[in-house]
Amino acid sequence: MSTVYQINKGINKPIVFKGLQGQYIAWLAAGLVALLIGFAILYVIGTPVYVLLPLIAGLGSALFWSVGRLSKRFGVHGMEKYFAKRGLPPYISFRSRRLFTGLKVNFTDPALIRRAGL
């Protein structure tokens, strides 16, 4: 029996796979690869399998839970916006664009054109 997974690849729509959106699919894949490499290293070192399997299973379930939680909390681009907003210094950030909407200059007036040097 083969299982068919639906992947949304519509135009201007994010990729969605099993509830994970966009970049979180890659995060989950990278985490699973890291778990696989960690399992191989610990197995070669000589860690007992009855210790190793519950450890990897617990870390894997924590990975699935945390990536799913991040996907539901932030959405496709929400984490990028969150970190970008956190990275702004407080003296540059502003709450509205009201200050900048009054800065438009009407360049149809010849006196304003001469004054601007155009």
PDB file of N, CA and C in Angstrom:
ATOM      1  N   MET A   1       0.846  -1.180   0.000  1.00  0.00           N
ATOM      2  CA  MET A   1       0.000   0.000   0.000  1.00  0.00           C
ATOM      3  C   MET A   1       0.885   1.235   0.000  1.00  0.00           C
ATOM      4  N   SER A   2       0.582   2.134  -0.875  1.00  0.00           N
ATOM      5  CA  SER A   2       1.336   3.381  -0.907  1.00  0.00           C
ATOM      6  C   SER A   2       0.465   4.505  -0.366  1.00  0.00           C
ATOM      7  N   THR A   3       1.098   5.399   0.337  1.00  0.00           N
ATOM      8  CA  THR A   3       0.402   6.537   0.902  1.00  0.00           C
ATOM      9  C   THR A   3       0.695   7.758   0.046  1.00  0.00           C
ATOM     10  N   VAL A   4      -0.325   8.514  -0.255  1.00  0.00           N
ATOM     11  CA  VAL A   4      -0.171   9.706  -1.082  1.00  0.00           C
ATOM     12  C   VAL A   4      -0.328  10.912  -0.183  1.00  0.00           C
ATOM     13  N   TYR A   5       0.690  11.773  -0.166  1.00  0.00           N
ATOM     14  CA  TYR A   5       0.654  12.996   0.614  1.00  0.00           C
ATOM     15  C   TYR A   5       0.352  14.163  -0.303  1.00  0.00           C
ATOM     16  N   GLN A   6      -0.513  15.027   0.151  1.00  0.00           N
ATOM     17  CA  GLN A   6      -0.860  16.209  -0.630  1.00  0.00           C
ATOM     18  C   GLN A   6       0.119  17.329  -0.306  1.00  0.00           C
ATOM     19  N   ILE A   7       0.778  17.867  -1.322  1.00  0.00           N
ATOM     20  CA  ILE A   7       1.681  19.000  -1.170  1.00  0.00           C
ATOM     21  C   ILE A   7       1.109  20.143  -1.982  1.00  0.00           C
ATOM     22  N   ASN A   8       0.884  21.268  -1.328  1.00  0.00           N
ATOM     23  CA  ASN A   8       0.329  22.432  -1.987  1.00  0.00           C
ATOM     24  C   ASN A   8       1.460  23.213  -2.650  1.00  0.00           C
ATOM     25  N   LYS A   9       1.482  23.219  -3.987  1.00  0.00           N
ATOM     26  CA  LYS A   9       2.501  23.975  -4.705  1.00  0.00           C
ATOM     27  C   LYS A   9       1.829  24.971  -5.643  1.00  0.00           C
ATOM     28  N   GLY A  10       0.801  25.642  -5.173  1.00  0.00           N
ATOM     29  CA  GLY A  10       0.114  26.616  -5.998  1.00  0.00           C
ATOM     30  C   GLY A  10       0.949  27.872  -6.170  1.00  0.00           C
ATOM     31  N   ILE A  11       0.595  28.671  -7.151  1.00  0.00           N
ATOM     32  CA  ILE A  11       1.306  29.915  -7.411  1.00  0.00           C
ATOM     33  C   ILE A  11       1.014  30.890  -6.279  1.00  0.00           C
ATOM     34  N   ASN A  12       2.056  31.514  -5.778  1.00  0.00           N
ATOM     35  CA  ASN A  12       1.977  32.502  -4.689  1.00  0.00           C
ATOM     36  C   ASN A  12       1.386  31.927  -3.415  1.00  0.00           C
ATOM     37  N   LYS A  13       1.462  30.646  -3.238  1.00  0.00           N
ATOM     38  CA  LYS A  13       1.001  30.022  -2.007  1.00  0.00           C
ATOM     39  C   LYS A  13       2.173  29.266  -1.398  1.00  0.00           C
ATOM     40  N   PRO A  14       2.265  29.249  -0.075  1.00  0.00           N
ATOM     41  CA  PRO A  14       3.384  28.532   0.546  1.00  0.00           C
ATOM     42  C   PRO A  14       3.224  27.023   0.424  1.00  0.00           C
ATOM     43  N   ILE A  15       4.353  26.332   0.482  1.00  0.00           N
ATOM     44  CA  ILE A  15       4.336  24.874   0.485  1.00  0.00           C
ATOM     45  C   ILE A  15       3.858  24.416   1.857  1.00  0.00           C
ATOM     46  N   VAL A  16       2.899  23.517   1.881  1.00  0.00           N
ATOM     47  CA  VAL A  16       2.353  22.992   3.137  1.00  0.00           C
ATOM     48  C   VAL A  16       2.454  21.481   3.082  1.00  0.00           C
ATOM     49  N   PHE A  17       3.056  20.885   4.113  1.00  0.00           N
ATOM     50  CA  PHE A  17       3.179  19.430   4.190  1.00  0.00           C
ATOM     51  C   PHE A  17       2.859  19.002   5.604  1.00  0.00           C
ATOM     52  N   LYS A  18       1.763  18.305   5.780  1.00  0.00           N
ATOM     53  CA  LYS A  18       1.341  17.789   7.086  1.00  0.00           C
ATOM     54  C   LYS A  18       1.254  18.896   8.139  1.00  0.00           C
ATOM     55  N   GLY A  19       0.773  20.063   7.749  1.00  0.00           N
ATOM     56  CA  GLY A  19       0.619  21.163   8.683  1.00  0.00           C
ATOM     57  C   GLY A  19       1.829  22.057   8.830  1.00  0.00           C
ATOM     58  N   LEU A  20       2.968  21.650   8.296  1.00  0.00           N
ATOM     59  CA  LEU A  20       4.171  22.475   8.362  1.00  0.00           C
ATOM     60  C   LEU A  20       4.206  23.385   7.141  1.00  0.00           C
ATOM     61  N   GLN A  21       4.550  24.645   7.366  1.00  0.00           N
ATOM     62  CA  GLN A  21       4.529  25.610   6.282  1.00  0.00           C
ATOM     63  C   GLN A  21       5.935  26.099   5.974  1.00  0.00           C
ATOM     64  N   GLY A  22       6.260  26.180   4.712  1.00  0.00           N
ATOM     65  CA  GLY A  22       7.470  26.830   4.226  1.00  0.00           C
ATOM     66  C   GLY A  22       8.767  26.321   4.820  1.00  0.00           C
ATOM     67  N   GLN A  23       9.471  27.205   5.508  1.00  0.00           N
ATOM     68  CA  GLN A  23      10.816  26.932   6.004  1.00  0.00           C
ATOM     69  C   GLN A  23      10.852  25.857   7.081  1.00  0.00           C
ATOM     70  N   TYR A  24       9.736  25.604   7.736  1.00  0.00           N
ATOM     71  CA  TYR A  24       9.730  24.631   8.830  1.00  0.00           C
ATOM     72  C   TYR A  24       9.892  23.212   8.326  1.00  0.00           C
ATOM     73  N   ILE A  25       9.556  22.956   7.068  1.00  0.00           N
ATOM     74  CA  ILE A  25       9.796  21.643   6.479  1.00  0.00           C
ATOM     75  C   ILE A  25      11.299  21.389   6.417  1.00  0.00           C
ATOM     76  N   ALA A  26      12.050  22.408   6.020  1.00  0.00           N
ATOM     77  CA  ALA A  26      13.512  22.272   5.960  1.00  0.00           C
ATOM     78  C   ALA A  26      14.098  22.130   7.357  1.00  0.00           C
ATOM     79  N   TRP A  27      13.558  22.860   8.326  1.00  0.00           N
ATOM     80  CA  TRP A  27      14.049  22.751   9.705  1.00  0.00           C
ATOM     81  C   TRP A  27      13.845  21.342  10.237  1.00  0.00           C
ATOM     82  N   LEU A  28      12.683  20.760   9.950  1.00  0.00           N
ATOM     83  CA  LEU A  28      12.406  19.406  10.410  1.00  0.00           C
ATOM     84  C   LEU A  28      13.338  18.408   9.727  1.00  0.00           C
ATOM     85  N   ALA A  29      13.573  18.569   8.433  1.00  0.00           N
ATOM     86  CA  ALA A  29      14.477  17.673   7.719  1.00  0.00           C
ATOM     87  C   ALA A  29      15.899  17.774   8.266  1.00  0.00           C
ATOM     88  N   ALA A  30      16.360  18.998   8.534  1.00  0.00           N
ATOM     89  CA  ALA A  30      17.703  19.176   9.096  1.00  0.00           C
ATOM     90  C   ALA A  30      17.800  18.559  10.492  1.00  0.00           C
ATOM     91  N   GLY A  31      16.749  18.693  11.286  1.00  0.00           N
ATOM     92  CA  GLY A  31      16.747  18.077  12.604  1.00  0.00           C
ATOM     93  C   GLY A  31      16.773  16.564  12.550  1.00  0.00           C
ATOM     94  N   LEU A  32      16.052  15.997  11.606  1.00  0.00           N
ATOM     95  CA  LEU A  32      16.051  14.535  11.457  1.00  0.00           C
ATOM     96  C   LEU A  32      17.409  14.020  10.985  1.00  0.00           C
ATOM     97  N   VAL A  33      18.057  14.761  10.106  1.00  0.00           N
ATOM     98  CA  VAL A  33      19.401  14.373   9.673  1.00  0.00           C
ATOM     99  C   VAL A  33      20.370  14.445  10.850  1.00  0.00           C
ATOM    100  N   ALA A  34      20.255  15.491  11.673  1.00  0.00           N
ATOM    101  CA  ALA A  34      21.114  15.616  12.860  1.00  0.00           C
ATOM    102  C   ALA A  34      20.864  14.469  13.838  1.00  0.00           C
ATOM    103  N   LEU A  35      19.600  14.072  14.006  1.00  0.00           N
ATOM    104  CA  LEU A  35      19.301  12.929  14.875  1.00  0.00           C
ATOM    105  C   LEU A  35      19.897  11.633  14.318  1.00  0.00           C
ATOM    106  N   LEU A  36      19.834  11.450  13.017  1.00  0.00           N
ATOM    107  CA  LEU A  36      20.407  10.256  12.397  1.00  0.00           C
ATOM    108  C   LEU A  36      21.922  10.203  12.597  1.00  0.00           C
ATOM    109  N   ILE A  37      22.582  11.334  12.390  1.00  0.00           N
ATOM    110  CA  ILE A  37      24.037  11.389  12.580  1.00  0.00           C
ATOM    111  C   ILE A  37      24.393  11.181  14.046  1.00  0.00           C
ATOM    112  N   GLY A  38      23.610  11.782  14.942  1.00  0.00           N
ATOM    113  CA  GLY A  38      23.846  11.585  16.380  1.00  0.00           C
ATOM    114  C   GLY A  38      23.668  10.139  16.797  1.00  0.00           C
ATOM    115  N   PHE A  39      22.639   9.484  16.243  1.00  0.00           N
ATOM    116  CA  PHE A  39      22.425   8.069  16.532  1.00  0.00           C
ATOM    117  C   PHE A  39      23.617   7.236  16.061  1.00  0.00           C
ATOM    118  N   ALA A  40      24.091   7.515  14.858  1.00  0.00           N
ATOM    119  CA  ALA A  40      25.212   6.737  14.309  1.00  0.00           C
ATOM    120  C   ALA A  40      26.469   6.937  15.150  1.00  0.00           C
ATOM    121  N   ILE A  41      26.739   8.170  15.551  1.00  0.00           N
ATOM    122  CA  ILE A  41      27.940   8.444  16.344  1.00  0.00           C
ATOM    123  C   ILE A  41      27.857   7.747  17.706  1.00  0.00           C
ATOM    124  N   LEU A  42      26.711   7.874  18.364  1.00  0.00           N
ATOM    125  CA  LEU A  42      26.561   7.245  19.681  1.00  0.00           C
ATOM    126  C   LEU A  42      26.594   5.723  19.590  1.00  0.00           C
ATOM    127  N   TYR A  43      26.079   5.158  18.493  1.00  0.00           N
ATOM    128  CA  TYR A  43      26.108   3.713  18.325  1.00  0.00           C
ATOM    129  C   TYR A  43      27.542   3.219  18.112  1.00  0.00           C
ATOM    130  N   VAL A  44      28.303   3.962  17.319  1.00  0.00           N
ATOM    131  CA  VAL A  44      29.692   3.575  17.058  1.00  0.00           C
ATOM    132  C   VAL A  44      30.530   3.714  18.322  1.00  0.00           C
ATOM    133  N   ILE A  45      30.236   4.720  19.144  1.00  0.00           N
ATOM    134  CA  ILE A  45      30.977   4.907  20.403  1.00  0.00           C
ATOM    135  C   ILE A  45      30.756   3.720  21.342  1.00  0.00           C
ATOM    136  N   GLY A  46      29.563   3.145  21.270  1.00  0.00           N
ATOM    137  CA  GLY A  46      29.307   1.978  22.102  1.00  0.00           C
ATOM    138  C   GLY A  46      28.208   2.192  23.127  1.00  0.00           C
ATOM    139  N   THR A  47      27.376   3.186  22.926  1.00  0.00           N
ATOM    140  CA  THR A  47      26.251   3.415  23.833  1.00  0.00           C
ATOM    141  C   THR A  47      25.261   2.258  23.694  1.00  0.00           C
ATOM    142  N   PRO A  48      24.785   1.726  24.797  1.00  0.00           N
ATOM    143  CA  PRO A  48      23.831   0.609  24.717  1.00  0.00           C
ATOM    144  C   PRO A  48      22.555   1.012  23.967  1.00  0.00           C
ATOM    145  N   VAL A  49      22.035   0.090  23.197  1.00  0.00           N
ATOM    146  CA  VAL A  49      20.875   0.370  22.354  1.00  0.00           C
ATOM    147  C   VAL A  49      19.646   0.666  23.198  1.00  0.00           C
ATOM    148  N   TYR A  50      19.505   0.010  24.365  1.00  0.00           N
ATOM    149  CA  TYR A  50      18.335   0.256  25.207  1.00  0.00           C
ATOM    150  C   TYR A  50      18.379   1.650  25.842  1.00  0.00           C
ATOM    151  N   VAL A  51      19.506   2.321  25.811  1.00  0.00           N
ATOM    152  CA  VAL A  51      19.596   3.721  26.237  1.00  0.00           C
ATOM    153  C   VAL A  51      19.439   4.636  25.029  1.00  0.00           C
ATOM    154  N   LEU A  52      19.998   4.209  23.935  1.00  0.00           N
ATOM    155  CA  LEU A  52      20.062   5.034  22.734  1.00  0.00           C
ATOM    156  C   LEU A  52      18.693   5.221  22.072  1.00  0.00           C
ATOM    157  N   LEU A  53      17.915   4.161  21.936  1.00  0.00           N
ATOM    158  CA  LEU A  53      16.627   4.261  21.257  1.00  0.00           C
ATOM    159  C   LEU A  53      15.633   5.186  21.975  1.00  0.00           C
ATOM    160  N   PRO A  54      15.447   5.075  23.296  1.00  0.00           N
ATOM    161  CA  PRO A  54      14.539   6.039  23.945  1.00  0.00           C
ATOM    162  C   PRO A  54      15.044   7.491  23.864  1.00  0.00           C
ATOM    163  N   LEU A  55      16.362   7.659  23.914  1.00  0.00           N
ATOM    164  CA  LEU A  55      16.928   9.005  23.809  1.00  0.00           C
ATOM    165  C   LEU A  55      16.619   9.619  22.445  1.00  0.00           C
ATOM    166  N   ILE A  56      16.870   8.898  21.369  1.00  0.00           N
ATOM    167  CA  ILE A  56      16.622   9.404  20.016  1.00  0.00           C
ATOM    168  C   ILE A  56      15.121   9.570  19.786  1.00  0.00           C
ATOM    169  N   ALA A  57      14.301   8.644  20.302  1.00  0.00           N
ATOM    170  CA  ALA A  57      12.846   8.772  20.140  1.00  0.00           C
ATOM    171  C   ALA A  57      12.325  10.003  20.875  1.00  0.00           C
ATOM    172  N   GLY A  58      12.838  10.244  22.064  1.00  0.00           N
ATOM    173  CA  GLY A  58      12.414  11.434  22.814  1.00  0.00           C
ATOM    174  C   GLY A  58      12.847  12.726  22.139  1.00  0.00           C
ATOM    175  N   LEU A  59      14.084  12.753  21.661  1.00  0.00           N
ATOM    176  CA  LEU A  59      14.558  13.945  20.956  1.00  0.00           C
ATOM    177  C   LEU A  59      13.794  14.154  19.644  1.00  0.00           C
ATOM    178  N   GLY A  60      13.470  13.071  18.963  1.00  0.00           N
ATOM    179  CA  GLY A  60      12.707  13.175  17.719  1.00  0.00           C
ATOM    180  C   GLY A  60      11.302  13.693  17.947  1.00  0.00           C
ATOM    181  N   SER A  61      10.647  13.196  18.994  1.00  0.00           N
ATOM    182  CA  SER A  61       9.299  13.687  19.279  1.00  0.00           C
ATOM    183  C   SER A  61       9.336  15.146  19.734  1.00  0.00           C
ATOM    184  N   ALA A  62      10.370  15.528  20.492  1.00  0.00           N
ATOM    185  CA  ALA A  62      10.512  16.938  20.873  1.00  0.00           C
ATOM    186  C   ALA A  62      10.758  17.811  19.643  1.00  0.00           C
ATOM    187  N   LEU A  63      11.506  17.294  18.676  1.00  0.00           N
ATOM    188  CA  LEU A  63      11.748  18.027  17.435  1.00  0.00           C
ATOM    189  C   LEU A  63      10.452  18.233  16.667  1.00  0.00           C
ATOM    190  N   PHE A  64       9.668  17.169  16.493  1.00  0.00           N
ATOM    191  CA  PHE A  64       8.390  17.287  15.783  1.00  0.00           C
ATOM    192  C   PHE A  64       7.453  18.255  16.496  1.00  0.00           C
ATOM    193  N   TRP A  65       7.387  18.163  17.824  1.00  0.00           N
ATOM    194  CA  TRP A  65       6.494  19.023  18.583  1.00  0.00           C
ATOM    195  C   TRP A  65       6.916  20.484  18.473  1.00  0.00           C
ATOM    196  N   SER A  66       8.208  20.763  18.619  1.00  0.00           N
ATOM    197  CA  SER A  66       8.660  22.153  18.618  1.00  0.00           C
ATOM    198  C   SER A  66       8.551  22.786  17.229  1.00  0.00           C
ATOM    199  N   VAL A  67       8.878  22.042  16.180  1.00  0.00           N
ATOM    200  CA  VAL A  67       8.765  22.598  14.828  1.00  0.00           C
ATOM    201  C   VAL A  67       7.295  22.808  14.468  1.00  0.00           C
ATOM    202  N   GLY A  68       6.424  21.889  14.853  1.00  0.00           N
ATOM    203  CA  GLY A  68       4.989  22.079  14.613  1.00  0.00           C
ATOM    204  C   GLY A  68       4.435  23.268  15.368  1.00  0.00           C
ATOM    205  N   ARG A  69       4.904  23.464  16.575  1.00  0.00           N
ATOM    206  CA  ARG A  69       4.463  24.609  17.389  1.00  0.00           C
ATOM    207  C   ARG A  69       4.923  25.926  16.765  1.00  0.00           C
ATOM    208  N   LEU A  70       6.179  25.966  16.302  1.00  0.00           N
ATOM    209  CA  LEU A  70       6.681  27.174  15.646  1.00  0.00           C
ATOM    210  C   LEU A  70       5.912  27.464  14.359  1.00  0.00           C
ATOM    211  N   SER A  71       5.590  26.423  13.604  1.00  0.00           N
ATOM    212  CA  SER A  71       4.851  26.610  12.364  1.00  0.00           C
ATOM    213  C   SER A  71       3.461  27.175  12.631  1.00  0.00           C
ATOM    214  N   LYS A  72       2.799  26.684  13.676  1.00  0.00           N
ATOM    215  CA  LYS A  72       1.468  27.189  13.998  1.00  0.00           C
ATOM    216  C   LYS A  72       1.523  28.588  14.600  1.00  0.00           C
ATOM    217  N   ARG A  73       2.553  28.873  15.359  1.00  0.00           N
ATOM    218  CA  ARG A  73       2.646  30.181  16.025  1.00  0.00           C
ATOM    219  C   ARG A  73       2.995  31.300  15.049  1.00  0.00           C
ATOM    220  N   PHE A  74       3.996  31.082  14.186  1.00  0.00           N
ATOM    221  CA  PHE A  74       4.494  32.153  13.349  1.00  0.00           C
ATOM    222  C   PHE A  74       3.989  32.104  11.913  1.00  0.00           C
ATOM    223  N   GLY A  75       3.626  30.952  11.394  1.00  0.00           N
ATOM    224  CA  GLY A  75       3.210  30.878  10.003  1.00  0.00           C
ATOM    225  C   GLY A  75       4.410  30.873   9.072  1.00  0.00           C
ATOM    226  N   VAL A  76       4.172  31.252   7.821  1.00  0.00           N
ATOM    227  CA  VAL A  76       5.214  31.130   6.804  1.00  0.00           C
ATOM    228  C   VAL A  76       6.351  32.116   7.028  1.00  0.00           C
ATOM    229  N   HIS A  77       6.042  33.397   7.137  1.00  0.00           N
ATOM    230  CA  HIS A  77       7.084  34.415   7.261  1.00  0.00           C
ATOM    231  C   HIS A  77       7.083  35.099   8.617  1.00  0.00           C
ATOM    232  N   GLY A  78       6.289  34.604   9.555  1.00  0.00           N
ATOM    233  CA  GLY A  78       6.139  35.283  10.834  1.00  0.00           C
ATOM    234  C   GLY A  78       7.403  35.306  11.672  1.00  0.00           C
ATOM    235  N   MET A  79       8.190  34.241  11.629  1.00  0.00           N
ATOM    236  CA  MET A  79       9.410  34.216  12.433  1.00  0.00           C
ATOM    237  C   MET A  79      10.427  35.215  11.885  1.00  0.00           C
ATOM    238  N   GLU A  80      10.506  35.347  10.582  1.00  0.00           N
ATOM    239  CA  GLU A  80      11.410  36.329   9.993  1.00  0.00           C
ATOM    240  C   GLU A  80      10.999  37.739  10.405  1.00  0.00           C
ATOM    241  N   LYS A  81       9.711  38.010  10.381  1.00  0.00           N
ATOM    242  CA  LYS A  81       9.221  39.328  10.789  1.00  0.00           C
ATOM    243  C   LYS A  81       9.462  39.556  12.279  1.00  0.00           C
ATOM    244  N   TYR A  82       9.295  38.503  13.075  1.00  0.00           N
ATOM    245  CA  TYR A  82       9.508  38.618  14.514  1.00  0.00           C
ATOM    246  C   TYR A  82      10.964  38.986  14.829  1.00  0.00           C
ATOM    247  N   PHE A  83      11.900  38.278  14.203  1.00  0.00           N
ATOM    248  CA  PHE A  83      13.316  38.571  14.461  1.00  0.00           C
ATOM    249  C   PHE A  83      13.735  39.899  13.854  1.00  0.00           C
ATOM    250  N   ALA A  84      13.141  40.274  12.728  1.00  0.00           N
ATOM    251  CA  ALA A  84      13.460  41.573  12.133  1.00  0.00           C
ATOM    252  C   ALA A  84      12.975  42.704  13.039  1.00  0.00           C
ATOM    253  N   LYS A  85      11.799  42.557  13.616  1.00  0.00           N
ATOM    254  CA  LYS A  85      11.269  43.587  14.515  1.00  0.00           C
ATOM    255  C   LYS A  85      12.081  43.660  15.795  1.00  0.00           C
ATOM    256  N   ARG A  86      12.537  42.507  16.292  1.00  0.00           N
ATOM    257  CA  ARG A  86      13.371  42.494  17.490  1.00  0.00           C
ATOM    258  C   ARG A  86      14.732  43.105  17.249  1.00  0.00           C
ATOM    259  N   GLY A  87      15.203  43.032  16.008  1.00  0.00           N
ATOM    260  CA  GLY A  87      16.526  43.542  15.683  1.00  0.00           C
ATOM    261  C   GLY A  87      16.585  45.042  15.469  1.00  0.00           C
ATOM    262  N   LEU A  88      15.430  45.692  15.402  1.00  0.00           N
ATOM    263  CA  LEU A  88      15.434  47.143  15.212  1.00  0.00           C
ATOM    264  C   LEU A  88      15.862  47.843  16.491  1.00  0.00           C
ATOM    265  N   PRO A  89      16.734  48.819  16.394  1.00  0.00           N
ATOM    266  CA  PRO A  89      17.052  49.603  17.586  1.00  0.00           C
ATOM    267  C   PRO A  89      15.860  50.483  17.965  1.00  0.00           C
ATOM    268  N   PRO A  90      15.675  50.777  19.231  1.00  0.00           N
ATOM    269  CA  PRO A  90      14.469  51.511  19.647  1.00  0.00           C
ATOM    270  C   PRO A  90      14.428  52.950  19.145  1.00  0.00           C
ATOM    271  N   TYR A  91      15.556  53.543  18.819  1.00  0.00           N
ATOM    272  CA  TYR A  91      15.539  54.933  18.402  1.00  0.00           C
ATOM    273  C   TYR A  91      15.221  55.100  16.925  1.00  0.00           C
ATOM    274  N   ILE A  92      15.149  54.006  16.159  1.00  0.00           N
ATOM    275  CA  ILE A  92      14.773  54.105  14.753  1.00  0.00           C
ATOM    276  C   ILE A  92      13.335  53.649  14.552  1.00  0.00           C
ATOM    277  N   SER A  93      12.834  52.810  15.399  1.00  0.00           N
ATOM    278  CA  SER A  93      11.503  52.259  15.188  1.00  0.00           C
ATOM    279  C   SER A  93      10.446  53.334  15.388  1.00  0.00           C
ATOM    280  N   PHE A  94       9.365  53.218  14.637  1.00  0.00           N
ATOM    281  CA  PHE A  94       8.248  54.127  14.750  1.00  0.00           C
ATOM    282  C   PHE A  94       6.971  53.330  14.636  1.00  0.00           C
ATOM    283  N   ARG A  95       5.910  53.847  15.202  1.00  0.00           N
ATOM    284  CA  ARG A  95       4.655  53.103  15.271  1.00  0.00           C
ATOM    285  C   ARG A  95       3.743  53.349  14.077  1.00  0.00           C
ATOM    286  N   SER A  96       3.845  54.518  13.445  1.00  0.00           N
ATOM    287  CA  SER A  96       2.966  54.790  12.319  1.00  0.00           C
ATOM    288  C   SER A  96       3.739  55.512  11.220  1.00  0.00           C
ATOM    289  N   ARG A  97       3.104  55.611  10.062  1.00  0.00           N
ATOM    290  CA  ARG A  97       3.732  56.302   8.939  1.00  0.00           C
ATOM    291  C   ARG A  97       3.182  57.715   8.798  1.00  0.00           C
ATOM    292  N   ARG A  98       2.450  58.179   9.777  1.00  0.00           N
ATOM    293  CA  ARG A  98       1.822  59.492   9.696  1.00  0.00           C
ATOM    294  C   ARG A  98       2.861  60.596   9.495  1.00  0.00           C
ATOM    295  N   LEU A  99       4.006  60.478  10.111  1.00  0.00           N
ATOM    296  CA  LEU A  99       5.068  61.467   9.974  1.00  0.00           C
ATOM    297  C   LEU A  99       5.545  61.566   8.532  1.00  0.00           C
ATOM    298  N   PHE A 100       5.606  60.453   7.837  1.00  0.00           N
ATOM    299  CA  PHE A 100       6.174  60.422   6.496  1.00  0.00           C
ATOM    300  C   PHE A 100       5.155  60.699   5.396  1.00  0.00           C
ATOM    301  N   THR A 101       3.868  60.607   5.693  1.00  0.00           N
ATOM    302  CA  THR A 101       2.879  60.836   4.638  1.00  0.00           C
ATOM    303  C   THR A 101       2.772  62.305   4.277  1.00  0.00           C
ATOM    304  N   GLY A 102       3.146  63.198   5.170  1.00  0.00           N
ATOM    305  CA  GLY A 102       3.093  64.628   4.865  1.00  0.00           C
ATOM    306  C   GLY A 102       4.330  65.135   4.166  1.00  0.00           C
ATOM    307  N   LEU A 103       5.278  64.275   3.824  1.00  0.00           N
ATOM    308  CA  LEU A 103       6.524  64.707   3.214  1.00  0.00           C
ATOM    309  C   LEU A 103       6.482  64.737   1.690  1.00  0.00           C
ATOM    310  N   LYS A 104       5.345  64.424   1.111  1.00  0.00           N
ATOM    311  CA  LYS A 104       5.244  64.414  -0.339  1.00  0.00           C
ATOM    312  C   LYS A 104       5.328  65.841  -0.870  1.00  0.00           C
ATOM    313  N   VAL A 105       6.131  66.023  -1.920  1.00  0.00           N
ATOM    314  CA  VAL A 105       6.325  67.342  -2.507  1.00  0.00           C
ATOM    315  C   VAL A 105       5.666  67.353  -3.875  1.00  0.00           C
ATOM    316  N   ASN A 106       4.922  68.404  -4.149  1.00  0.00           N
ATOM    317  CA  ASN A 106       4.251  68.550  -5.424  1.00  0.00           C
ATOM    318  C   ASN A 106       5.231  69.168  -6.418  1.00  0.00           C
ATOM    319  N   PHE A 107       5.744  68.388  -7.365  1.00  0.00           N
ATOM    320  CA  PHE A 107       6.734  68.881  -8.314  1.00  0.00           C
ATOM    321  C   PHE A 107       6.104  69.473  -9.564  1.00  0.00           C
ATOM    322  N   THR A 108       4.822  69.785  -9.527  1.00  0.00           N
ATOM    323  CA  THR A 108       4.220  70.481 -10.656  1.00  0.00           C
ATOM    324  C   THR A 108       4.386  71.988 -10.525  1.00  0.00           C
ATOM    325  N   ASP A 109       4.724  72.475  -9.344  1.00  0.00           N
ATOM    326  CA  ASP A 109       4.948  73.900  -9.118  1.00  0.00           C
ATOM    327  C   ASP A 109       6.363  74.260  -9.582  1.00  0.00           C
ATOM    328  N   PRO A 110       6.503  75.193 -10.535  1.00  0.00           N
ATOM    329  CA  PRO A 110       7.841  75.534 -11.042  1.00  0.00           C
ATOM    330  C   PRO A 110       8.776  76.085  -9.966  1.00  0.00           C
ATOM    331  N   ALA A 111       8.242  76.781  -8.984  1.00  0.00           N
ATOM    332  CA  ALA A 111       9.104  77.325  -7.928  1.00  0.00           C
ATOM    333  C   ALA A 111       9.716  76.193  -7.092  1.00  0.00           C
ATOM    334  N   LEU A 112       8.940  75.128  -6.841  1.00  0.00           N
ATOM    335  CA  LEU A 112       9.460  74.005  -6.076  1.00  0.00           C
ATOM    336  C   LEU A 112      10.521  73.247  -6.893  1.00  0.00           C
ATOM    337  N   ILE A 113      10.339  73.181  -8.196  1.00  0.00           N
ATOM    338  CA  ILE A 113      11.315  72.488  -9.040  1.00  0.00           C
ATOM    339  C   ILE A 113      12.643  73.215  -9.013  1.00  0.00           C
ATOM    340  N   ARG A 114      12.581  74.591  -9.136  1.00  0.00           N
ATOM    341  CA  ARG A 114      13.830  75.377  -9.088  1.00  0.00           C
ATOM    342  C   ARG A 114      14.501  75.245  -7.731  1.00  0.00           C
ATOM    343  N   ARG A 115      13.719  75.244  -6.644  1.00  0.00           N
ATOM    344  CA  ARG A 115      14.268  75.172  -5.295  1.00  0.00           C
ATOM    345  C   ARG A 115      14.924  73.809  -5.030  1.00  0.00           C
ATOM    346  N   ALA A 116      14.356  72.754  -5.622  1.00  0.00           N
ATOM    347  CA  ALA A 116      14.918  71.421  -5.431  1.00  0.00           C
ATOM    348  C   ALA A 116      16.140  71.193  -6.297  1.00  0.00           C
ATOM    349  N   GLY A 117      16.363  72.058  -7.289  1.00  0.00           N
ATOM    350  CA  GLY A 117      17.529  71.924  -8.139  1.00  0.00           C
ATOM    351  C   GLY A 117      17.352  70.907  -9.247  1.00  0.00           C
ATOM    352  N   LEU A 118      16.111  70.662  -9.646  1.00  0.00           N
ATOM    353  CA  LEU A 118      15.849  69.678 -10.714  1.00  0.00           C
ATOM    354  C   LEU A 118      15.668  70.329 -12.049  1.00  0.00           C
TER     355      LEU A 118
END
